Amino acid sequence: MLTKAKLSNVDDSGKPGSDVFYVQFNPNEISISEAVASLYSMENGSKDPKVNPVDTKKEKQVLHLSTTLFYNTYTSISQSSYEDIRSYIRKLYPYTNVGVETKEQLKKICFTWSSICVIGILEK
């Protein structure tokens, strides 16, 4: 059975929420890569490395999921022009972090497609 890929909000408990955005066409390719990010904490709360030396170094696993979503507004073969897809794409806006200024305000989303379920932050 074919399963549609979807994006959903993440509730306060960290589980996929009820707001869902279904993609028009499933991706033909998906890439998941893993990296290690180094996080540094500074002594005395200073953020300037010239004032205080680096106190500790922590490493954190970072997972990146990448895919391209495709939209097509032709409804028939004899159609002579495209329909404006902005009405479809606007439904994706609530899942983005446009206008967010602090890391604490970033909203997490869940990308689900068949057995793949990745919770993270939509970057672009």
N, C-alpha and C. Protein backbone atom coordinates (compact mmCIF):
# COMPACT_ATOMS: atom_id res chain seq x y z
N MET A 1 0.84 -1.18 0.00
CA MET A 1 0.00 0.00 0.00
C MET A 1 0.88 1.25 0.00
N LEU A 2 0.54 2.22 -0.81
CA LEU A 2 1.30 3.45 -0.93
C LEU A 2 0.96 4.38 0.23
N THR A 3 1.98 4.89 0.90
CA THR A 3 1.80 5.81 2.01
C THR A 3 2.28 7.19 1.59
N LYS A 4 1.47 8.22 1.82
CA LYS A 4 1.84 9.59 1.49
C LYS A 4 2.79 10.12 2.55
N ALA A 5 3.83 10.84 2.11
CA ALA A 5 4.73 11.52 3.03
C ALA A 5 3.99 12.71 3.63
N LYS A 6 4.32 13.04 4.87
CA LYS A 6 3.62 14.15 5.52
C LYS A 6 4.53 14.83 6.53
N LEU A 7 4.20 16.07 6.83
CA LEU A 7 4.83 16.84 7.90
C LEU A 7 3.76 17.08 8.94
N SER A 8 4.14 17.02 10.20
CA SER A 8 3.19 17.33 11.26
C SER A 8 3.90 18.10 12.36
N ASN A 9 3.13 18.83 13.13
CA ASN A 9 3.70 19.54 14.26
C ASN A 9 4.09 18.52 15.33
N VAL A 10 4.89 18.95 16.30
CA VAL A 10 5.28 18.09 17.42
C VAL A 10 4.68 18.70 18.68
N ASP A 11 3.96 17.88 19.45
CA ASP A 11 3.32 18.40 20.66
C ASP A 11 4.33 18.53 21.80
N ASP A 12 3.87 19.01 22.95
CA ASP A 12 4.75 19.26 24.09
C ASP A 12 5.42 18.00 24.63
N SER A 13 4.83 16.85 24.38
CA SER A 13 5.43 15.60 24.86
C SER A 13 6.48 15.06 23.89
N GLY A 14 6.68 15.75 22.74
CA GLY A 14 7.67 15.32 21.76
C GLY A 14 7.16 14.33 20.74
N LYS A 15 5.86 14.13 20.70
CA LYS A 15 5.26 13.19 19.75
C LYS A 15 4.58 13.95 18.62
N PRO A 16 4.43 13.31 17.43
CA PRO A 16 3.75 13.98 16.33
C PRO A 16 2.35 14.44 16.73
N GLY A 17 2.02 15.68 16.34
CA GLY A 17 0.73 16.25 16.70
C GLY A 17 -0.34 15.98 15.67
N SER A 18 -1.45 16.68 15.80
CA SER A 18 -2.61 16.43 14.95
C SER A 18 -2.63 17.27 13.68
N ASP A 19 -1.89 18.40 13.63
CA ASP A 19 -1.84 19.21 12.42
C ASP A 19 -0.95 18.52 11.40
N VAL A 20 -1.48 18.25 10.21
CA VAL A 20 -0.74 17.47 9.22
C VAL A 20 -0.72 18.19 7.87
N PHE A 21 0.43 18.16 7.20
CA PHE A 21 0.60 18.67 5.84
C PHE A 21 1.05 17.50 4.97
N TYR A 22 0.17 17.03 4.08
CA TYR A 22 0.51 15.93 3.18
C TYR A 22 1.18 16.49 1.92
N VAL A 23 2.26 15.88 1.49
CA VAL A 23 2.93 16.32 0.27
C VAL A 23 2.11 15.86 -0.93
N GLN A 24 2.23 16.59 -2.04
CA GLN A 24 1.45 16.22 -3.22
C GLN A 24 1.99 14.93 -3.85
N PHE A 25 3.30 14.83 -3.97
CA PHE A 25 3.94 13.63 -4.51
C PHE A 25 5.02 13.17 -3.54
N ASN A 26 5.11 11.88 -3.33
CA ASN A 26 6.17 11.36 -2.47
C ASN A 26 7.53 11.65 -3.10
N PRO A 27 8.55 11.90 -2.28
CA PRO A 27 9.88 12.16 -2.83
C PRO A 27 10.40 10.95 -3.60
N ASN A 28 11.18 11.20 -4.64
CA ASN A 28 11.79 10.07 -5.35
C ASN A 28 13.15 9.72 -4.76
N GLU A 29 13.64 10.57 -3.86
CA GLU A 29 14.92 10.32 -3.21
C GLU A 29 14.92 10.96 -1.83
N ILE A 30 15.53 10.28 -0.89
CA ILE A 30 15.65 10.82 0.46
C ILE A 30 17.06 10.51 0.96
N SER A 31 17.66 11.46 1.65
CA SER A 31 19.03 11.28 2.13
C SER A 31 19.06 11.56 3.63
N ILE A 32 19.65 10.66 4.37
CA ILE A 32 19.82 10.85 5.81
C ILE A 32 21.31 10.72 6.10
N SER A 33 21.89 11.76 6.70
CA SER A 33 23.31 11.72 7.04
C SER A 33 23.50 12.08 8.50
N GLU A 34 24.59 11.61 9.06
CA GLU A 34 24.86 11.83 10.48
C GLU A 34 26.21 12.51 10.61
N ALA A 35 26.32 13.44 11.55
CA ALA A 35 27.57 14.15 11.79
C ALA A 35 27.74 14.35 13.29
N VAL A 36 28.93 14.76 13.68
CA VAL A 36 29.20 15.06 15.08
C VAL A 36 29.48 16.55 15.18
N ALA A 37 28.76 17.24 16.05
CA ALA A 37 28.97 18.66 16.27
C ALA A 37 29.67 18.85 17.61
N SER A 38 30.65 19.75 17.65
CA SER A 38 31.34 20.03 18.90
C SER A 38 30.72 21.25 19.56
N LEU A 39 30.33 21.11 20.80
CA LEU A 39 29.72 22.20 21.56
C LEU A 39 30.68 22.60 22.67
N TYR A 40 30.92 23.89 22.81
CA TYR A 40 31.83 24.38 23.83
C TYR A 40 31.06 25.17 24.87
N SER A 41 31.38 24.97 26.14
CA SER A 41 30.81 25.82 27.18
C SER A 41 31.94 26.63 27.78
N MET A 42 31.67 27.87 28.11
CA MET A 42 32.70 28.79 28.58
C MET A 42 32.65 28.94 30.10
N GLU A 43 33.80 29.22 30.70
CA GLU A 43 33.86 29.47 32.14
C GLU A 43 33.15 30.77 32.47
N ASN A 44 32.58 30.83 33.64
CA ASN A 44 31.93 32.03 34.17
C ASN A 44 30.83 32.59 33.26
N GLY A 45 30.32 31.80 32.35
CA GLY A 45 29.21 32.25 31.51
C GLY A 45 29.60 33.22 30.41
N SER A 46 30.90 33.50 30.22
CA SER A 46 31.31 34.44 29.18
C SER A 46 31.21 33.79 27.82
N LYS A 47 30.75 34.53 26.83
CA LYS A 47 30.64 34.00 25.48
C LYS A 47 31.83 34.44 24.62
N ASP A 48 32.73 35.22 25.18
CA ASP A 48 33.89 35.71 24.45
C ASP A 48 35.09 34.81 24.75
N PRO A 49 35.58 34.02 23.78
CA PRO A 49 36.68 33.10 24.05
C PRO A 49 37.99 33.81 24.39
N LYS A 50 38.10 35.12 24.08
CA LYS A 50 39.32 35.85 24.41
C LYS A 50 39.38 36.21 25.89
N VAL A 51 38.22 36.31 26.54
CA VAL A 51 38.16 36.68 27.95
C VAL A 51 38.42 35.48 28.84
N ASN A 52 37.77 34.39 28.59
CA ASN A 52 37.92 33.17 29.38
C ASN A 52 38.27 32.00 28.47
N PRO A 53 39.11 31.09 28.93
CA PRO A 53 39.42 29.93 28.11
C PRO A 53 38.25 28.95 28.03
N VAL A 54 38.33 28.06 27.06
CA VAL A 54 37.29 27.04 26.90
C VAL A 54 37.31 26.12 28.10
N ASP A 55 36.16 25.90 28.68
CA ASP A 55 36.04 25.06 29.88
C ASP A 55 35.91 23.59 29.50
N THR A 56 34.89 23.26 28.74
CA THR A 56 34.67 21.87 28.36
C THR A 56 34.25 21.79 26.90
N LYS A 57 34.46 20.64 26.33
CA LYS A 57 34.03 20.38 24.96
C LYS A 57 33.12 19.16 25.00
N LYS A 58 31.92 19.30 24.45
CA LYS A 58 30.97 18.20 24.39
C LYS A 58 30.69 17.90 22.93
N GLU A 59 30.50 16.65 22.63
CA GLU A 59 30.16 16.28 21.26
C GLU A 59 28.72 15.80 21.21
N LYS A 60 28.04 16.16 20.14
CA LYS A 60 26.62 15.85 19.99
C LYS A 60 26.39 15.29 18.59
N GLN A 61 25.60 14.23 18.51
CA GLN A 61 25.25 13.65 17.22
C GLN A 61 24.21 14.55 16.53
N VAL A 62 24.41 14.83 15.26
CA VAL A 62 23.49 15.65 14.49
C VAL A 62 23.05 14.83 13.28
N LEU A 63 21.74 14.73 13.08
CA LEU A 63 21.18 13.97 11.97
C LEU A 63 20.54 14.94 10.98
N HIS A 64 20.86 14.79 9.70
CA HIS A 64 20.28 15.63 8.66
C HIS A 64 19.48 14.77 7.70
N LEU A 65 18.24 15.15 7.47
CA LEU A 65 17.39 14.50 6.48
C LEU A 65 17.19 15.50 5.36
N SER A 66 17.38 15.07 4.15
CA SER A 66 17.24 15.97 3.01
C SER A 66 16.37 15.30 1.94
N THR A 67 15.44 16.07 1.42
CA THR A 67 14.60 15.60 0.32
C THR A 67 14.05 16.80 -0.44
N THR A 68 13.59 16.59 -1.63
CA THR A 68 12.98 17.65 -2.43
C THR A 68 11.52 17.30 -2.64
N LEU A 69 10.65 18.25 -2.35
CA LEU A 69 9.22 18.05 -2.57
C LEU A 69 8.84 18.66 -3.91
N PHE A 70 8.07 17.93 -4.69
CA PHE A 70 7.68 18.34 -6.04
C PHE A 70 6.19 18.63 -6.07
N TYR A 71 5.83 19.74 -6.73
CA TYR A 71 4.42 20.11 -6.89
C TYR A 71 4.11 20.31 -8.36
N ASN A 72 2.97 19.80 -8.78
CA ASN A 72 2.53 19.92 -10.16
C ASN A 72 1.04 20.27 -10.13
N THR A 73 0.68 21.33 -10.83
CA THR A 73 -0.72 21.76 -10.79
C THR A 73 -1.47 21.47 -12.08
N TYR A 74 -0.88 20.69 -12.98
CA TYR A 74 -1.65 20.24 -14.14
C TYR A 74 -2.70 19.25 -13.68
N THR A 75 -3.94 19.44 -14.11
CA THR A 75 -5.00 18.51 -13.74
C THR A 75 -5.40 17.60 -14.89
N SER A 76 -4.97 17.97 -16.12
CA SER A 76 -5.25 17.10 -17.26
C SER A 76 -4.18 17.31 -18.33
N ILE A 77 -4.09 16.38 -19.24
CA ILE A 77 -3.09 16.46 -20.31
C ILE A 77 -3.39 17.61 -21.26
N SER A 78 -4.65 17.93 -21.45
CA SER A 78 -5.03 19.00 -22.38
C SER A 78 -4.97 20.39 -21.76
N GLN A 79 -4.58 20.48 -20.51
CA GLN A 79 -4.51 21.78 -19.83
C GLN A 79 -3.41 22.62 -20.47
N SER A 80 -3.68 23.89 -20.73
CA SER A 80 -2.71 24.74 -21.43
C SER A 80 -1.87 25.61 -20.51
N SER A 81 -2.22 25.70 -19.23
CA SER A 81 -1.42 26.54 -18.32
C SER A 81 -1.40 25.93 -16.92
N TYR A 82 -0.45 26.40 -16.14
CA TYR A 82 -0.33 25.95 -14.76
C TYR A 82 -1.29 26.70 -13.85
N GLU A 83 -1.67 26.06 -12.78
CA GLU A 83 -2.42 26.71 -11.71
C GLU A 83 -1.39 27.29 -10.74
N ASP A 84 -1.71 28.37 -10.08
CA ASP A 84 -0.80 28.98 -9.11
C ASP A 84 -0.66 28.05 -7.91
N ILE A 85 0.56 27.61 -7.61
CA ILE A 85 0.76 26.65 -6.52
C ILE A 85 0.91 27.31 -5.15
N ARG A 86 0.91 28.63 -5.09
CA ARG A 86 1.09 29.29 -3.79
C ARG A 86 0.03 28.90 -2.78
N SER A 87 -1.17 28.62 -3.22
CA SER A 87 -2.22 28.20 -2.27
C SER A 87 -1.86 26.87 -1.61
N TYR A 88 -1.15 26.00 -2.34
CA TYR A 88 -0.72 24.72 -1.76
C TYR A 88 0.46 24.93 -0.81
N ILE A 89 1.41 25.75 -1.24
CA ILE A 89 2.63 25.96 -0.48
C ILE A 89 2.37 26.74 0.81
N ARG A 90 1.40 27.65 0.81
CA ARG A 90 1.09 28.43 2.02
C ARG A 90 0.73 27.53 3.20
N LYS A 91 0.19 26.36 2.91
CA LYS A 91 -0.16 25.43 3.98
C LYS A 91 1.08 24.87 4.67
N LEU A 92 2.24 25.03 4.05
CA LEU A 92 3.50 24.57 4.63
C LEU A 92 4.09 25.60 5.60
N TYR A 93 3.72 26.87 5.49
CA TYR A 93 4.30 27.95 6.30
C TYR A 93 4.26 27.71 7.80
N PRO A 94 3.17 27.19 8.37
CA PRO A 94 3.15 26.99 9.83
C PRO A 94 4.23 26.04 10.35
N TYR A 95 4.82 25.24 9.46
CA TYR A 95 5.85 24.29 9.87
C TYR A 95 7.26 24.87 9.77
N THR A 96 7.38 26.08 9.23
CA THR A 96 8.68 26.73 9.10
C THR A 96 8.95 27.59 10.32
N ASN A 97 10.17 28.07 10.42
CA ASN A 97 10.55 28.93 11.54
C ASN A 97 10.90 30.33 11.06
N VAL A 98 10.17 30.81 10.07
CA VAL A 98 10.39 32.15 9.54
C VAL A 98 10.07 33.18 10.62
N GLY A 99 10.99 34.11 10.84
CA GLY A 99 10.78 35.16 11.83
C GLY A 99 11.18 34.80 13.25
N VAL A 100 11.62 33.59 13.48
CA VAL A 100 12.04 33.17 14.81
C VAL A 100 13.42 33.76 15.09
N GLU A 101 13.58 34.37 16.26
CA GLU A 101 14.83 35.06 16.57
C GLU A 101 15.71 34.32 17.56
N THR A 102 15.15 33.45 18.39
CA THR A 102 15.96 32.73 19.38
C THR A 102 15.82 31.23 19.19
N LYS A 103 16.84 30.52 19.64
CA LYS A 103 16.84 29.06 19.51
C LYS A 103 15.68 28.43 20.29
N GLU A 104 15.30 29.04 21.39
CA GLU A 104 14.21 28.51 22.22
C GLU A 104 12.86 28.57 21.51
N GLN A 105 12.72 29.45 20.54
CA GLN A 105 11.45 29.62 19.82
C GLN A 105 11.31 28.66 18.64
N LEU A 106 12.38 27.96 18.27
CA LEU A 106 12.32 27.06 17.12
C LEU A 106 11.29 25.96 17.35
N LYS A 107 10.44 25.74 16.34
CA LYS A 107 9.42 24.70 16.43
C LYS A 107 9.92 23.44 15.76
N LYS A 108 9.68 22.31 16.41
CA LYS A 108 10.04 21.02 15.83
C LYS A 108 8.88 20.49 15.02
N ILE A 109 9.23 19.75 13.98
CA ILE A 109 8.23 19.08 13.15
C ILE A 109 8.59 17.61 13.03
N CYS A 110 7.66 16.84 12.51
CA CYS A 110 7.89 15.42 12.27
C CYS A 110 7.67 15.15 10.78
N PHE A 111 8.68 14.56 10.12
CA PHE A 111 8.55 14.12 8.74
C PHE A 111 8.31 12.62 8.78
N THR A 112 7.18 12.19 8.25
CA THR A 112 6.81 10.77 8.27
C THR A 112 6.55 10.30 6.85
N TRP A 113 7.16 9.16 6.53
CA TRP A 113 6.92 8.54 5.23
C TRP A 113 7.13 7.05 5.41
N SER A 114 6.06 6.31 5.34
CA SER A 114 6.08 4.87 5.55
C SER A 114 6.69 4.55 6.91
N SER A 115 7.82 3.87 6.96
CA SER A 115 8.42 3.51 8.25
C SER A 115 9.41 4.55 8.76
N ILE A 116 9.65 5.63 7.98
CA ILE A 116 10.57 6.69 8.40
C ILE A 116 9.80 7.73 9.19
N CYS A 117 10.31 8.07 10.36
CA CYS A 117 9.72 9.14 11.18
C CYS A 117 10.88 9.90 11.82
N VAL A 118 11.11 11.13 11.36
CA VAL A 118 12.21 11.95 11.86
C VAL A 118 11.64 13.22 12.45
N ILE A 119 11.99 13.50 13.70
CA ILE A 119 11.56 14.73 14.37
C ILE A 119 12.75 15.67 14.41
N GLY A 120 12.52 16.91 13.96
CA GLY A 120 13.61 17.88 13.93
C GLY A 120 13.10 19.25 13.58
N ILE A 121 14.01 20.08 13.09
CA ILE A 121 13.70 21.47 12.75
C ILE A 121 13.82 21.63 11.24
N LEU A 122 12.80 22.21 10.63
CA LEU A 122 12.79 22.45 9.19
C LEU A 122 13.71 23.63 8.90
N GLU A 123 14.76 23.41 8.11
CA GLU A 123 15.72 24.47 7.84
C GLU A 123 15.41 25.23 6.56
N LYS A 124 15.09 24.52 5.50
CA LYS A 124 14.77 25.20 4.25
C LYS A 124 14.02 24.27 3.34
